[in-house]
Amino acid sequence: QDVKWLGQGTIYPDVIESVSVKGPSATIKSHHNVGGLPDYMKLKV
């Protein structure tokens, strides 16, 4: 009931990659984690 936040175990290399000089690297394979949750959950991270 009344949950407002989604907790994630994102670590620094993931953050660096998302704003790297050349942009995110080409996808070698898709990854599955909680970070893929959809917008409709409407939770702050």
All heavy atoms as atom14 arrays in JSON, in Angstrom:
{
  "sequence": "QDVKWLGQGTIYPDVIESVSVKGPSATIKSHHNVGGLPDYMKLKV",
  "atom14_mask": [
    [1, 1, 1, 1, 1, 1, 1, 1, 1, 0, 0, 0, 0, 0],
    [1, 1, 1, 1, 1, 1, 1, 1, 0, 0, 0, 0, 0, 0],
    [1, 1, 1, 1, 1, 1, 1, 0, 0, 0, 0, 0, 0, 0],
    [1, 1, 1, 1, 1, 1, 1, 1, 1, 0, 0, 0, 0, 0],
    [1, 1, 1, 1, 1, 1, 1, 1, 1, 1, 1, 1, 1, 1],
    [1, 1, 1, 1, 1, 1, 1, 1, 0, 0, 0, 0, 0, 0],
    [1, 1, 1, 1, 0, 0, 0, 0, 0, 0, 0, 0, 0, 0],
    [1, 1, 1, 1, 1, 1, 1, 1, 1, 0, 0, 0, 0, 0],
    [1, 1, 1, 1, 0, 0, 0, 0, 0, 0, 0, 0, 0, 0],
    [1, 1, 1, 1, 1, 1, 1, 0, 0, 0, 0, 0, 0, 0],
    [1, 1, 1, 1, 1, 1, 1, 1, 0, 0, 0, 0, 0, 0],
    [1, 1, 1, 1, 1, 1, 1, 1, 1, 1, 1, 1, 0, 0],
    [1, 1, 1, 1, 1, 1, 1, 0, 0, 0, 0, 0, 0, 0],
    [1, 1, 1, 1, 1, 1, 1, 1, 0, 0, 0, 0, 0, 0],
    [1, 1, 1, 1, 1, 1, 1, 0, 0, 0, 0, 0, 0, 0],
    [1, 1, 1, 1, 1, 1, 1, 1, 0, 0, 0, 0, 0, 0],
    [1, 1, 1, 1, 1, 1, 1, 1, 1, 0, 0, 0, 0, 0],
    [1, 1, 1, 1, 1, 1, 0, 0, 0, 0, 0, 0, 0, 0],
    [1, 1, 1, 1, 1, 1, 1, 0, 0, 0, 0, 0, 0, 0],
    [1, 1, 1, 1, 1, 1, 0, 0, 0, 0, 0, 0, 0, 0],
    [1, 1, 1, 1, 1, 1, 1, 0, 0, 0, 0, 0, 0, 0],
    [1, 1, 1, 1, 1, 1, 1, 1, 1, 0, 0, 0, 0, 0],
    [1, 1, 1, 1, 0, 0, 0, 0, 0, 0, 0, 0, 0, 0],
    [1, 1, 1, 1, 1, 1, 1, 0, 0, 0, 0, 0, 0, 0],
    [1, 1, 1, 1, 1, 1, 0, 0, 0, 0, 0, 0, 0, 0],
    [1, 1, 1, 1, 1, 0, 0, 0, 0, 0, 0, 0, 0, 0],
    [1, 1, 1, 1, 1, 1, 1, 0, 0, 0, 0, 0, 0, 0],
    [1, 1, 1, 1, 1, 1, 1, 1, 0, 0, 0, 0, 0, 0],
    [1, 1, 1, 1, 1, 1, 1, 1, 1, 0, 0, 0, 0, 0],
    [1, 1, 1, 1, 1, 1, 0, 0, 0, 0, 0, 0, 0, 0],
    [1, 1, 1, 1, 1, 1, 1, 1, 1, 1, 0, 0, 0, 0],
    [1, 1, 1, 1, 1, 1, 1, 1, 1, 1, 0, 0, 0, 0],
    [1, 1, 1, 1, 1, 1, 1, 1, 0, 0, 0, 0, 0, 0],
    [1, 1, 1, 1, 1, 1, 1, 0, 0, 0, 0, 0, 0, 0],
    [1, 1, 1, 1, 0, 0, 0, 0, 0, 0, 0, 0, 0, 0],
    [1, 1, 1, 1, 0, 0, 0, 0, 0, 0, 0, 0, 0, 0],
    [1, 1, 1, 1, 1, 1, 1, 1, 0, 0, 0, 0, 0, 0],
    [1, 1, 1, 1, 1, 1, 1, 0, 0, 0, 0, 0, 0, 0],
    [1, 1, 1, 1, 1, 1, 1, 1, 0, 0, 0, 0, 0, 0],
    [1, 1, 1, 1, 1, 1, 1, 1, 1, 1, 1, 1, 0, 0],
    [1, 1, 1, 1, 1, 1, 1, 1, 0, 0, 0, 0, 0, 0],
    [1, 1, 1, 1, 1, 1, 1, 1, 1, 0, 0, 0, 0, 0],
    [1, 1, 1, 1, 1, 1, 1, 1, 0, 0, 0, 0, 0, 0],
    [1, 1, 1, 1, 1, 1, 1, 1, 1, 0, 0, 0, 0, 0],
    [1, 1, 1, 1, 1, 1, 1, 0, 0, 0, 0, 0, 0, 0]
  ],
  "atom14_positions": [
    [[0.82, -1.21, 0.0], [0.0, 0.0, 0.0], [0.86, 1.27, 0.0], [1.83, 1.36, 0.76], [-0.92, 0.01, 1.23], [-1.94, -1.11, 1.25], [-2.94, -1.02, 0.11], [-3.48, 0.05, -0.16], [-3.17, -2.14, -0.57], [0.0, 0.0, 0.0], [0.0, 0.0, 0.0], [0.0, 0.0, 0.0], [0.0, 0.0, 0.0], [0.0, 0.0, 0.0]],
    [[0.52, 2.21, -0.86], [1.11, 3.56, -0.86], [2.63, 3.56, -1.09], [3.34, 4.42, -0.56], [0.81, 4.29, 0.46], [-0.67, 4.4, 0.71], [-1.41, 4.69, -0.26], [-1.09, 4.2, 1.87], [0.0, 0.0, 0.0], [0.0, 0.0, 0.0], [0.0, 0.0, 0.0], [0.0, 0.0, 0.0], [0.0, 0.0, 0.0], [0.0, 0.0, 0.0]],
    [[3.14, 2.62, -1.86], [4.57, 2.63, -2.16], [4.88, 3.77, -3.13], [4.11, 4.03, -4.06], [5.03, 1.26, -2.74], [4.39, 0.99, -4.09], [6.55, 1.21, -2.87], [0.0, 0.0, 0.0], [0.0, 0.0, 0.0], [0.0, 0.0, 0.0], [0.0, 0.0, 0.0], [0.0, 0.0, 0.0], [0.0, 0.0, 0.0], [0.0, 0.0, 0.0]],
    [[5.97, 4.48, -2.91], [6.3, 5.66, -3.73], [7.64, 5.53, -4.46], [7.91, 6.26, -5.4], [6.33, 6.91, -2.85], [4.97, 7.3, -2.3], [5.04, 8.59, -1.5], [3.66, 8.97, -0.99], [3.71, 10.19, -0.13], [0.0, 0.0, 0.0], [0.0, 0.0, 0.0], [0.0, 0.0, 0.0], [0.0, 0.0, 0.0], [0.0, 0.0, 0.0]],
    [[8.5, 4.62, -3.98], [9.86, 4.55, -4.53], [10.19, 3.13, -5.0], [9.77, 2.15, -4.4], [10.89, 4.96, -3.49], [10.8, 6.38, -3.04], [9.97, 6.88, -2.07], [11.56, 7.48, -3.52], [10.18, 8.23, -1.92], [11.16, 8.63, -2.8], [12.56, 7.63, -4.49], [11.7, 9.89, -3.01], [13.11, 8.87, -4.72], [12.68, 9.99, -3.98]],
    [[10.98, 3.07, -6.06], [11.56, 1.82, -6.53], [13.05, 1.84, -6.21], [13.78, 2.71, -6.69], [11.35, 1.68, -8.05], [12.09, 0.52, -8.73], [11.5, -0.81, -8.28], [11.99, 0.65, -10.25], [0.0, 0.0, 0.0], [0.0, 0.0, 0.0], [0.0, 0.0, 0.0], [0.0, 0.0, 0.0], [0.0, 0.0, 0.0], [0.0, 0.0, 0.0]],
    [[13.51, 0.91, -5.38], [14.94, 0.81, -5.07], [15.65, -0.03, -6.1], [15.12, -1.04, -6.57], [0.0, 0.0, 0.0], [0.0, 0.0, 0.0], [0.0, 0.0, 0.0], [0.0, 0.0, 0.0], [0.0, 0.0, 0.0], [0.0, 0.0, 0.0], [0.0, 0.0, 0.0], [0.0, 0.0, 0.0], [0.0, 0.0, 0.0], [0.0, 0.0, 0.0]],
    [[16.84, 0.4, -6.5], [17.63, -0.36, -7.49], [19.1, -0.45, -7.07], [19.62, 0.45, -6.41], [17.54, 0.29, -8.87], [16.17, 0.2, -9.49], [16.12, 0.59, -10.95], [15.1, 0.45, -11.59], [17.21, 1.1, -11.5], [0.0, 0.0, 0.0], [0.0, 0.0, 0.0], [0.0, 0.0, 0.0], [0.0, 0.0, 0.0], [0.0, 0.0, 0.0]],
    [[19.74, -1.52, -7.5], [21.15, -1.73, -7.18], [22.07, -1.23, -8.27], [23.18, -1.76, -8.44], [0.0, 0.0, 0.0], [0.0, 0.0, 0.0], [0.0, 0.0, 0.0], [0.0, 0.0, 0.0], [0.0, 0.0, 0.0], [0.0, 0.0, 0.0], [0.0, 0.0, 0.0], [0.0, 0.0, 0.0], [0.0, 0.0, 0.0], [0.0, 0.0, 0.0]],
    [[21.66, -0.21, -9.02], [22.5, 0.37, -10.07], [23.85, 0.79, -9.51], [23.92, 1.41, -8.45], [21.8, 1.62, -10.65], [20.46, 1.29, -11.01], [22.55, 2.15, -11.87], [0.0, 0.0, 0.0], [0.0, 0.0, 0.0], [0.0, 0.0, 0.0], [0.0, 0.0, 0.0], [0.0, 0.0, 0.0], [0.0, 0.0, 0.0], [0.0, 0.0, 0.0]],
    [[24.94, 0.43, -10.21], [26.26, 0.85, -9.75], [26.9, 1.82, -10.75], [26.38, 2.03, -11.85], [27.19, -0.36, -9.46], [27.44, -1.19, -10.71], [26.59, -1.22, -8.35], [28.47, -2.32, -10.48], [0.0, 0.0, 0.0], [0.0, 0.0, 0.0], [0.0, 0.0, 0.0], [0.0, 0.0, 0.0], [0.0, 0.0, 0.0], [0.0, 0.0, 0.0]],
    [[28.03, 2.4, -10.37], [28.61, 3.53, -11.11], [28.93, 3.24, -12.59], [28.67, 4.08, -13.44], [29.84, 4.05, -10.37], [30.26, 5.44, -10.8], [29.33, 6.43, -11.08], [31.61, 5.78, -10.91], [29.71, 7.71, -11.46], [32.01, 7.05, -11.29], [31.06, 8.01, -11.57], [31.43, 9.27, -11.94], [0.0, 0.0, 0.0], [0.0, 0.0, 0.0]],
    [[29.5, 2.08, -12.93], [29.77, 1.82, -14.35], [28.53, 1.92, -15.22], [28.61, 2.35, -16.38], [30.35, 0.39, -14.34], [30.99, 0.27, -13.0], [30.08, 1.02, -12.07], [0.0, 0.0, 0.0], [0.0, 0.0, 0.0], [0.0, 0.0, 0.0], [0.0, 0.0, 0.0], [0.0, 0.0, 0.0], [0.0, 0.0, 0.0], [0.0, 0.0, 0.0]],
    [[27.35, 1.55, -14.68], [26.1, 1.68, -15.45], [25.79, 3.15, -15.72], [25.34, 3.52, -16.79], [24.93, 1.07, -14.68], [25.16, -0.39, -14.35], [25.74, -1.1, -15.19], [24.77, -0.83, -13.25], [0.0, 0.0, 0.0], [0.0, 0.0, 0.0], [0.0, 0.0, 0.0], [0.0, 0.0, 0.0], [0.0, 0.0, 0.0], [0.0, 0.0, 0.0]],
    [[26.04, 3.99, -14.72], [25.78, 5.43, -14.85], [26.74, 6.05, -15.86], [26.34, 6.82, -16.73], [25.93, 6.13, -13.48], [25.73, 7.63, -13.61], [24.94, 5.55, -12.47], [0.0, 0.0, 0.0], [0.0, 0.0, 0.0], [0.0, 0.0, 0.0], [0.0, 0.0, 0.0], [0.0, 0.0, 0.0], [0.0, 0.0, 0.0], [0.0, 0.0, 0.0]],
    [[28.02, 5.69, -15.74], [29.04, 6.23, -16.66], [28.69, 5.87, -18.1], [28.75, 6.69, -19.0], [30.44, 5.67, -16.32], [30.88, 6.14, -14.92], [31.47, 6.12, -17.35], [32.09, 5.4, -14.4], [0.0, 0.0, 0.0], [0.0, 0.0, 0.0], [0.0, 0.0, 0.0], [0.0, 0.0, 0.0], [0.0, 0.0, 0.0], [0.0, 0.0, 0.0]],
    [[28.31, 4.61, -18.3], [28.01, 4.13, -19.65], [26.86, 4.91, -20.27], [26.87, 5.21, -21.46], [27.66, 2.63, -19.59], [27.29, 2.01, -20.92], [28.43, 1.89, -21.9], [29.59, 2.13, -21.53], [28.16, 1.57, -23.06], [0.0, 0.0, 0.0], [0.0, 0.0, 0.0], [0.0, 0.0, 0.0], [0.0, 0.0, 0.0], [0.0, 0.0, 0.0]],
    [[25.86, 5.27, -19.45], [24.68, 5.94, -19.99], [24.96, 7.37, -20.43], [24.21, 7.95, -21.21], [23.55, 5.93, -18.95], [23.88, 6.74, -17.85], [0.0, 0.0, 0.0], [0.0, 0.0, 0.0], [0.0, 0.0, 0.0], [0.0, 0.0, 0.0], [0.0, 0.0, 0.0], [0.0, 0.0, 0.0], [0.0, 0.0, 0.0], [0.0, 0.0, 0.0]],
    [[26.05, 7.96, -19.93], [26.41, 9.33, -20.35], [27.83, 9.39, -20.87], [28.53, 10.37, -20.7], [26.23, 10.34, -19.18], [24.78, 10.52, -18.84], [27.03, 9.93, -17.96], [0.0, 0.0, 0.0], [0.0, 0.0, 0.0], [0.0, 0.0, 0.0], [0.0, 0.0, 0.0], [0.0, 0.0, 0.0], [0.0, 0.0, 0.0], [0.0, 0.0, 0.0]],
    [[28.29, 8.3, -21.5], [29.67, 8.25, -21.96], [29.91, 9.22, -23.11], [28.98, 9.74, -23.72], [30.02, 6.83, -22.42], [29.29, 6.5, -23.58], [0.0, 0.0, 0.0], [0.0, 0.0, 0.0], [0.0, 0.0, 0.0], [0.0, 0.0, 0.0], [0.0, 0.0, 0.0], [0.0, 0.0, 0.0], [0.0, 0.0, 0.0], [0.0, 0.0, 0.0]],
    [[31.19, 9.46, -23.39], [31.58, 10.4, -24.45], [30.92, 10.03, -25.78], [30.46, 10.87, -26.53], [33.12, 10.4, -24.6], [33.53, 11.18, -25.84], [33.76, 11.01, -23.36], [0.0, 0.0, 0.0], [0.0, 0.0, 0.0], [0.0, 0.0, 0.0], [0.0, 0.0, 0.0], [0.0, 0.0, 0.0], [0.0, 0.0, 0.0], [0.0, 0.0, 0.0]],
    [[30.87, 8.72, -26.06], [30.34, 8.27, -27.35], [28.91, 7.76, -27.23], [28.39, 7.15, -28.15], [31.24, 7.16, -27.9], [32.65, 7.66, -28.18], [33.54, 6.55, -28.66], [34.96, 7.04, -28.88], [35.87, 5.96, -29.25], [0.0, 0.0, 0.0], [0.0, 0.0, 0.0], [0.0, 0.0, 0.0], [0.0, 0.0, 0.0], [0.0, 0.0, 0.0]],
    [[28.28, 7.99, -26.1], [26.92, 7.48, -25.9], [26.97, 6.02, -25.51], [28.04, 5.41, -25.47], [0.0, 0.0, 0.0], [0.0, 0.0, 0.0], [0.0, 0.0, 0.0], [0.0, 0.0, 0.0], [0.0, 0.0, 0.0], [0.0, 0.0, 0.0], [0.0, 0.0, 0.0], [0.0, 0.0, 0.0], [0.0, 0.0, 0.0], [0.0, 0.0, 0.0]],
    [[25.83, 5.42, -25.19], [25.8, 4.02, -24.78], [26.4, 3.12, -25.85], [26.22, 3.34, -27.04], [24.3, 3.74, -24.59], [23.69, 5.08, -24.34], [24.52, 6.06, -25.14], [0.0, 0.0, 0.0], [0.0, 0.0, 0.0], [0.0, 0.0, 0.0], [0.0, 0.0, 0.0], [0.0, 0.0, 0.0], [0.0, 0.0, 0.0], [0.0, 0.0, 0.0]],
    [[27.13, 2.11, -25.4], [27.77, 1.18, -26.33], [26.71, 0.39, -27.11], [25.58, 0.26, -26.68], [28.65, 0.19, -25.56], [29.68, 0.88, -24.9], [0.0, 0.0, 0.0], [0.0, 0.0, 0.0], [0.0, 0.0, 0.0], [0.0, 0.0, 0.0], [0.0, 0.0, 0.0], [0.0, 0.0, 0.0], [0.0, 0.0, 0.0], [0.0, 0.0, 0.0]],
    [[27.12, -0.14, -28.24], [26.22, -0.98, -29.02], [25.76, -2.16, -28.17], [26.52, -2.7, -27.38], [26.95, -1.49, -30.27], [0.0, 0.0, 0.0], [0.0, 0.0, 0.0], [0.0, 0.0, 0.0], [0.0, 0.0, 0.0], [0.0, 0.0, 0.0], [0.0, 0.0, 0.0], [0.0, 0.0, 0.0], [0.0, 0.0, 0.0], [0.0, 0.0, 0.0]],
    [[24.52, -2.55, -28.34], [23.98, -3.65, -27.54], [24.57, -4.97, -28.02], [24.39, -5.37, -29.16], [22.45, -3.7, -27.66], [21.94, -2.45, -27.19], [21.87, -4.84, -26.85], [0.0, 0.0, 0.0], [0.0, 0.0, 0.0], [0.0, 0.0, 0.0], [0.0, 0.0, 0.0], [0.0, 0.0, 0.0], [0.0, 0.0, 0.0], [0.0, 0.0, 0.0]],
    [[25.29, -5.66, -27.12], [25.78, -7.0, -27.43], [24.65, -7.99, -27.16], [24.39, -8.91, -27.9], [27.01, -7.34, -26.55], [28.12, -6.3, -26.75], [27.53, -8.73, -26.88], [28.64, -6.17, -28.15], [0.0, 0.0, 0.0], [0.0, 0.0, 0.0], [0.0, 0.0, 0.0], [0.0, 0.0, 0.0], [0.0, 0.0, 0.0], [0.0, 0.0, 0.0]],
    [[23.96, -7.79, -26.05], [22.79, -8.58, -25.73], [21.97, -7.78, -24.75], [22.5, -6.99, -23.98], [23.2, -9.93, -25.13], [24.13, -9.82, -23.94], [24.8, -11.14, -23.63], [25.83, -10.98, -22.51], [26.64, -12.16, -22.31], [0.0, 0.0, 0.0], [0.0, 0.0, 0.0], [0.0, 0.0, 0.0], [0.0, 0.0, 0.0], [0.0, 0.0, 0.0]],
    [[20.67, -7.95, -24.78], [19.82, -7.18, -23.88], [19.93, -7.75, -22.48], [20.13, -8.94, -22.3], [18.36, -7.23, -24.35], [17.9, -8.55, -24.39], [0.0, 0.0, 0.0], [0.0, 0.0, 0.0], [0.0, 0.0, 0.0], [0.0, 0.0, 0.0], [0.0, 0.0, 0.0], [0.0, 0.0, 0.0], [0.0, 0.0, 0.0], [0.0, 0.0, 0.0]],
    [[19.82, -6.9, -21.5], [19.93, -7.34, -20.11], [18.59, -7.22, -19.42], [17.76, -6.37, -19.74], [20.99, -6.5, -19.38], [22.37, -6.84, -19.81], [23.13, -7.81, -19.19], [23.13, -6.38, -20.83], [24.3, -7.91, -19.8], [24.32, -7.05, -20.79], [0.0, 0.0, 0.0], [0.0, 0.0, 0.0], [0.0, 0.0, 0.0], [0.0, 0.0, 0.0]],
    [[18.39, -8.05, -18.42], [17.14, -8.04, -17.68], [17.44, -7.71, -16.23], [18.19, -8.39, -15.56], [16.48, -9.42, -17.79], [15.84, -9.9, -16.53], [14.77, -9.24, -15.97], [16.13, -10.93, -15.71], [14.42, -9.88, -14.86], [15.22, -10.89, -14.69], [0.0, 0.0, 0.0], [0.0, 0.0, 0.0], [0.0, 0.0, 0.0], [0.0, 0.0, 0.0]],
    [[16.9, -6.61, -15.76], [16.94, -6.31, -14.33], [15.77, -5.4, -14.0], [14.95, -5.09, -14.84], [18.28, -5.67, -13.92], [18.57, -4.4, -14.7], [17.67, -3.68, -15.11], [19.84, -4.13, -14.92], [0.0, 0.0, 0.0], [0.0, 0.0, 0.0], [0.0, 0.0, 0.0], [0.0, 0.0, 0.0], [0.0, 0.0, 0.0], [0.0, 0.0, 0.0]],
    [[15.71, -4.98, -12.75], [14.56, -4.18, -12.34], [14.54, -2.84, -13.06], [13.52, -2.18, -13.16], [14.59, -3.99, -10.81], [13.35, -3.26, -10.31], [14.68, -5.34, -10.13], [0.0, 0.0, 0.0], [0.0, 0.0, 0.0], [0.0, 0.0, 0.0], [0.0, 0.0, 0.0], [0.0, 0.0, 0.0], [0.0, 0.0, 0.0], [0.0, 0.0, 0.0]],
    [[15.7, -2.45, -13.61], [15.78, -1.18, -14.32], [14.89, -1.14, -15.54], [14.62, -0.07, -16.1], [0.0, 0.0, 0.0], [0.0, 0.0, 0.0], [0.0, 0.0, 0.0], [0.0, 0.0, 0.0], [0.0, 0.0, 0.0], [0.0, 0.0, 0.0], [0.0, 0.0, 0.0], [0.0, 0.0, 0.0], [0.0, 0.0, 0.0], [0.0, 0.0, 0.0]],
    [[14.39, -2.3, -15.99], [13.52, -2.34, -17.15], [12.05, -2.14, -16.82], [11.2, -2.3, -17.67], [0.0, 0.0, 0.0], [0.0, 0.0, 0.0], [0.0, 0.0, 0.0], [0.0, 0.0, 0.0], [0.0, 0.0, 0.0], [0.0, 0.0, 0.0], [0.0, 0.0, 0.0], [0.0, 0.0, 0.0], [0.0, 0.0, 0.0], [0.0, 0.0, 0.0]],
    [[11.74, -1.8, -15.57], [10.33, -1.64, -15.21], [9.69, -0.5, -15.97], [10.31, 0.53, -16.2], [10.21, -1.42, -13.7], [10.56, -2.67, -12.87], [10.55, -2.32, -11.4], [9.58, -3.79, -13.13], [0.0, 0.0, 0.0], [0.0, 0.0, 0.0], [0.0, 0.0, 0.0], [0.0, 0.0, 0.0], [0.0, 0.0, 0.0], [0.0, 0.0, 0.0]],
    [[8.44, -0.66, -16.34], [7.79, 0.33, -17.2], [7.36, 1.59, -16.47], [7.27, 1.62, -15.24], [6.56, -0.43, -17.71], [6.27, -1.43, -16.63], [7.6, -1.83, -16.07], [0.0, 0.0, 0.0], [0.0, 0.0, 0.0], [0.0, 0.0, 0.0], [0.0, 0.0, 0.0], [0.0, 0.0, 0.0], [0.0, 0.0, 0.0], [0.0, 0.0, 0.0]],
    [[7.08, 2.63, -17.26], [6.67, 3.91, -16.7], [5.37, 3.83, -15.92], [5.13, 4.61, -15.01], [6.51, 4.95, -17.82], [7.84, 5.3, -18.47], [8.87, 5.08, -17.8], [7.85, 5.76, -19.61], [0.0, 0.0, 0.0], [0.0, 0.0, 0.0], [0.0, 0.0, 0.0], [0.0, 0.0, 0.0], [0.0, 0.0, 0.0], [0.0, 0.0, 0.0]],
    [[4.51, 2.85, -16.3], [3.19, 2.84, -15.67], [3.24, 2.53, -14.17], [2.25, 2.7, -13.46], [2.23, 1.88, -16.39], [2.61, 0.41, -16.39], [2.52, -0.37, -15.23], [3.01, -0.21, -17.57], [2.84, -1.71, -15.25], [3.33, -1.55, -17.6], [3.24, -2.3, -16.44], [3.56, -3.63, -16.46], [0.0, 0.0, 0.0], [0.0, 0.0, 0.0]],
    [[4.38, 2.05, -13.69], [4.48, 1.82, -12.24], [4.51, 3.15, -11.48], [4.21, 3.22, -10.31], [5.71, 0.98, -11.9], [5.57, -0.47, -12.28], [6.84, -1.52, -11.53], [6.33, -1.56, -9.83], [0.0, 0.0, 0.0], [0.0, 0.0, 0.0], [0.0, 0.0, 0.0], [0.0, 0.0, 0.0], [0.0, 0.0, 0.0], [0.0, 0.0, 0.0]],
    [[4.91, 4.22, -12.19], [4.88, 5.58, -11.64], [5.56, 5.68, -10.28], [5.04, 6.28, -9.34], [3.44, 6.1, -11.56], [2.71, 6.08, -12.92], [1.61, 7.08, -12.96], [0.84, 7.09, -14.29], [1.6, 6.79, -15.47], [0.0, 0.0, 0.0], [0.0, 0.0, 0.0], [0.0, 0.0, 0.0], [0.0, 0.0, 0.0], [0.0, 0.0, 0.0]],
    [[6.72, 5.06, -10.16], [7.5, 5.14, -8.93], [8.75, 5.99, -9.15], [9.36, 5.94, -10.22], [7.92, 3.74, -8.48], [6.79, 2.76, -8.12], [7.38, 1.41, -7.77], [5.94, 3.3, -6.98], [0.0, 0.0, 0.0], [0.0, 0.0, 0.0], [0.0, 0.0, 0.0], [0.0, 0.0, 0.0], [0.0, 0.0, 0.0], [0.0, 0.0, 0.0]],
    [[9.12, 6.74, -8.15], [10.4, 7.45, -8.18], [11.5, 6.43, -7.89], [11.27, 5.44, -7.2], [10.4, 8.58, -7.14], [9.41, 9.69, -7.44], [9.45, 10.79, -6.4], [8.73, 10.39, -5.13], [8.63, 11.51, -4.16], [0.0, 0.0, 0.0], [0.0, 0.0, 0.0], [0.0, 0.0, 0.0], [0.0, 0.0, 0.0], [0.0, 0.0, 0.0]],
    [[12.68, 6.67, -8.42], [13.78, 5.7, -8.3], [14.8, 6.18, -7.27], [15.2, 7.35, -7.26], [14.47, 5.49, -9.68], [15.68, 4.59, -9.54], [13.48, 4.9, -10.67], [0.0, 0.0, 0.0], [0.0, 0.0, 0.0], [0.0, 0.0, 0.0], [0.0, 0.0, 0.0], [0.0, 0.0, 0.0], [0.0, 0.0, 0.0], [0.0, 0.0, 0.0]]
  ]
}
